[in-house]
């Protein structure tokens, strides 16, 4: 379901609607593919740590596996993950 018609948005944004549709069908760039792959690996490391590791530790683990990754790439993942409720016995 379209919230806003493409034709109306293209007029407001001063772009062509054909350009929008062309963008929709464009293949993913190498950067997008690399980011997706890293995101998958970040999620795997996070799950392997029983959802404990944050971006510094995940970055460290991926570097041990010879993956070129910066902490800034892992940081948005920290914001995606909702903190779990803390166990009252641990507080």
C-alpha atoms as a PDB file:
ATOM      1  CA  UNK A   1       0.000   0.000   0.000  1.00  0.00           C
ATOM      2  CA  UNK A   2       1.425   3.380  -1.021  1.00  0.00           C
ATOM      3  CA  UNK A   3       1.141   6.061   1.628  1.00  0.00           C
ATOM      4  CA  UNK A   4       2.106   8.793  -0.824  1.00  0.00           C
ATOM      5  CA  UNK A   5       1.781   8.548  -4.604  1.00  0.00           C
ATOM      6  CA  UNK A   6       5.139   8.387  -6.384  1.00  0.00           C
ATOM      7  CA  UNK A   7       4.094  11.024  -8.894  1.00  0.00           C
ATOM      8  CA  UNK A   8       3.248  13.520  -6.150  1.00  0.00           C
ATOM      9  CA  UNK A   9       6.474  12.833  -4.231  1.00  0.00           C
ATOM     10  CA  UNK A  10       8.577  13.191  -7.363  1.00  0.00           C
ATOM     11  CA  UNK A  11       7.085  16.649  -8.013  1.00  0.00           C
ATOM     12  CA  UNK A  12       7.692  17.762  -4.413  1.00  0.00           C
ATOM     13  CA  UNK A  13      11.265  16.395  -4.422  1.00  0.00           C
ATOM     14  CA  UNK A  14      11.895  17.654  -7.968  1.00  0.00           C
ATOM     15  CA  UNK A  15      12.988  14.275  -9.301  1.00  0.00           C
ATOM     16  CA  UNK A  16      11.601  12.126 -12.096  1.00  0.00           C
ATOM     17  CA  UNK A  17       9.289   9.266 -11.224  1.00  0.00           C
ATOM     18  CA  UNK A  18      11.059   7.155 -13.860  1.00  0.00           C
ATOM     19  CA  UNK A  19      14.314   7.646 -11.930  1.00  0.00           C
ATOM     20  CA  UNK A  20      12.635   6.330  -8.793  1.00  0.00           C
ATOM     21  CA  UNK A  21      11.388   3.203 -10.554  1.00  0.00           C
ATOM     22  CA  UNK A  22      14.810   2.685 -12.124  1.00  0.00           C
ATOM     23  CA  UNK A  23      16.378   2.928  -8.644  1.00  0.00           C
ATOM     24  CA  UNK A  24      13.954   0.256  -7.370  1.00  0.00           C
ATOM     25  CA  UNK A  25      15.166  -2.290  -9.914  1.00  0.00           C
ATOM     26  CA  UNK A  26      18.859  -1.396  -9.722  1.00  0.00           C
ATOM     27  CA  UNK A  27      21.084  -4.246  -8.458  1.00  0.00           C
ATOM     28  CA  UNK A  28      22.730  -3.835  -5.076  1.00  0.00           C
ATOM     29  CA  UNK A  29      26.129  -2.176  -5.034  1.00  0.00           C
ATOM     30  CA  UNK A  30      29.268  -3.913  -3.772  1.00  0.00           C
ATOM     31  CA  UNK A  31      29.119  -1.769  -0.657  1.00  0.00           C
ATOM     32  CA  UNK A  32      25.514  -2.783   0.077  1.00  0.00           C
ATOM     33  CA  UNK A  33      26.421  -6.448  -0.394  1.00  0.00           C
ATOM     34  CA  UNK A  34      29.436  -6.118   1.929  1.00  0.00           C
ATOM     35  CA  UNK A  35      27.338  -4.333   4.559  1.00  0.00           C
ATOM     36  CA  UNK A  36      24.702  -7.079   4.424  1.00  0.00           C
ATOM     37  CA  UNK A  37      27.372  -9.743   4.827  1.00  0.00           C
ATOM     38  CA  UNK A  38      28.924  -7.920   7.790  1.00  0.00           C
ATOM     39  CA  UNK A  39      25.505  -7.425   9.374  1.00  0.00           C
ATOM     40  CA  UNK A  40      24.902 -11.155   9.186  1.00  0.00           C
ATOM     41  CA  UNK A  41      28.280 -11.867  10.773  1.00  0.00           C
ATOM     42  CA  UNK A  42      27.660  -9.282  13.500  1.00  0.00           C
ATOM     43  CA  UNK A  43      24.335 -10.932  14.341  1.00  0.00           C
ATOM     44  CA  UNK A  44      25.991 -14.350  14.458  1.00  0.00           C
ATOM     45  CA  UNK A  45      28.695 -13.101  16.866  1.00  0.00           C
ATOM     46  CA  UNK A  46      26.060 -11.398  18.991  1.00  0.00           C
ATOM     47  CA  UNK A  47      24.014 -14.594  19.234  1.00  0.00           C
ATOM     48  CA  UNK A  48      27.132 -16.688  19.957  1.00  0.00           C
ATOM     49  CA  UNK A  49      27.861 -14.406  22.914  1.00  0.00           C
ATOM     50  CA  UNK A  50      24.387 -15.082  24.337  1.00  0.00           C
ATOM     51  CA  UNK A  51      23.472 -11.492  23.461  1.00  0.00           C
ATOM     52  CA  UNK A  52      26.096 -10.047  25.779  1.00  0.00           C
ATOM     53  CA  UNK A  53      28.782  -8.559  23.520  1.00  0.00           C
ATOM     54  CA  UNK A  54      28.569  -4.951  22.395  1.00  0.00           C
ATOM     55  CA  UNK A  55      30.226  -3.311  19.402  1.00  0.00           C
ATOM     56  CA  UNK A  56      33.791  -3.243  20.826  1.00  0.00           C
ATOM     57  CA  UNK A  57      33.848  -6.962  21.564  1.00  0.00           C
ATOM     58  CA  UNK A  58      32.076  -7.963  18.342  1.00  0.00           C
ATOM     59  CA  UNK A  59      34.590  -5.885  16.372  1.00  0.00           C
ATOM     60  CA  UNK A  60      37.428  -7.657  18.185  1.00  0.00           C
ATOM     61  CA  UNK A  61      35.943 -11.105  17.465  1.00  0.00           C
ATOM     62  CA  UNK A  62      35.461 -10.347  13.769  1.00  0.00           C
ATOM     63  CA  UNK A  63      39.024  -9.035  13.471  1.00  0.00           C
ATOM     64  CA  UNK A  64      40.304 -12.287  14.976  1.00  0.00           C
ATOM     65  CA  UNK A  65      38.593 -13.971  12.028  1.00  0.00           C
ATOM     66  CA  UNK A  66      40.476 -11.644   9.649  1.00  0.00           C
ATOM     67  CA  UNK A  67      37.408  -9.586   8.754  1.00  0.00           C
ATOM     68  CA  UNK A  68      38.101  -5.960   7.982  1.00  0.00           C
ATOM     69  CA  UNK A  69      35.592  -4.187  10.193  1.00  0.00           C
ATOM     70  CA  UNK A  70      35.473  -1.011  12.232  1.00  0.00           C
ATOM     71  CA  UNK A  71      33.675  -0.431  15.470  1.00  0.00           C
ATOM     72  CA  UNK A  72      31.524   2.214  13.763  1.00  0.00           C
ATOM     73  CA  UNK A  73      30.071  -0.483  11.488  1.00  0.00           C
ATOM     74  CA  UNK A  74      29.054  -2.547  14.527  1.00  0.00           C
ATOM     75  CA  UNK A  75      27.700   0.424  16.495  1.00  0.00           C
ATOM     76  CA  UNK A  76      24.345   0.788  14.685  1.00  0.00           C
ATOM     77  CA  UNK A  77      23.692  -2.831  15.568  1.00  0.00           C
ATOM     78  CA  UNK A  78      23.970  -1.896  19.257  1.00  0.00           C
ATOM     79  CA  UNK A  79      21.125   0.565  18.764  1.00  0.00           C
ATOM     80  CA  UNK A  80      18.973  -2.040  16.959  1.00  0.00           C
ATOM     81  CA  UNK A  81      19.109  -4.483  19.836  1.00  0.00           C
ATOM     82  CA  UNK A  82      16.711  -3.779  22.646  1.00  0.00           C
ATOM     83  CA  UNK A  83      18.236  -4.328  26.075  1.00  0.00           C
ATOM     84  CA  UNK A  84      16.763  -7.287  27.880  1.00  0.00           C
ATOM     85  CA  UNK A  85      15.375  -6.887  31.343  1.00  0.00           C
ATOM     86  CA  UNK A  86      18.033  -7.318  33.968  1.00  0.00           C
ATOM     87  CA  UNK A  87      17.692 -10.238  36.342  1.00  0.00           C
ATOM     88  CA  UNK A  88      16.710  -8.822  39.764  1.00  0.00           C
ATOM     89  CA  UNK A  89      19.246 -11.127  41.431  1.00  0.00           C
ATOM     90  CA  UNK A  90      22.072  -9.594  39.383  1.00  0.00           C
ATOM     91  CA  UNK A  91      21.147  -5.985  40.286  1.00  0.00           C
END
